[in-house]
Amino acid sequence: MATRSRADSRPWRPIPPTSGLSPFAVTEPSDEAACFSVVELETQELVGEALLWRIDTHNRAAHIGIALRPAFRGHGLAVDVLHTLCEYGFAVRGLQRLQIETLTDNTPMLAAATRAGFTREGTLRRSAWVYGTYADEAILGLLANDWTPRT
């Protein structure tokens, strides 16, 4: 619950498993979001989720979200996931800009985003209500013409 509260700007609310409103429920494809499962290739084990959300086809921009299970953090997977999402967003969807918002104390995500080519563009002070206190958010962006595809 605490991890979900730090990763999602919406308030946490208990959801009955039968409601169909779970954020983990498989949904139909959408023009506004592209959701992916992150799988460890060697074992085929589910590692987490990744998505492009708030896809804006007019301005050709989208936001990136990643959630990895704790056992798989710190292994460089986030950088691989970011590269894959950039490939999908820029090469497949023809987007111009991808953006990440993360809490400023999320050092692993800030490092992964920087390693994937994102630039820190600013800080939104006290913009996130997280478990009873306000926290700052960092904004990172990557433009299509600054992106270097992996070979």
Foldseek 3Di string as FASTA:
>chain_A
DQVVLQQDQDDDDDDPPPPQPDPPRDDDDDPFKDKDFDADVVVRHTFWIKMWGRQDLVQQETEIGTDGDPVPPPPLVLLVVVLVVLCCSCVVVVGFKYKYKHFPVPVSNVVSCVVQPKDFDDKDQQPGCRPHGGTIIIMIMDGNVRGDHDD
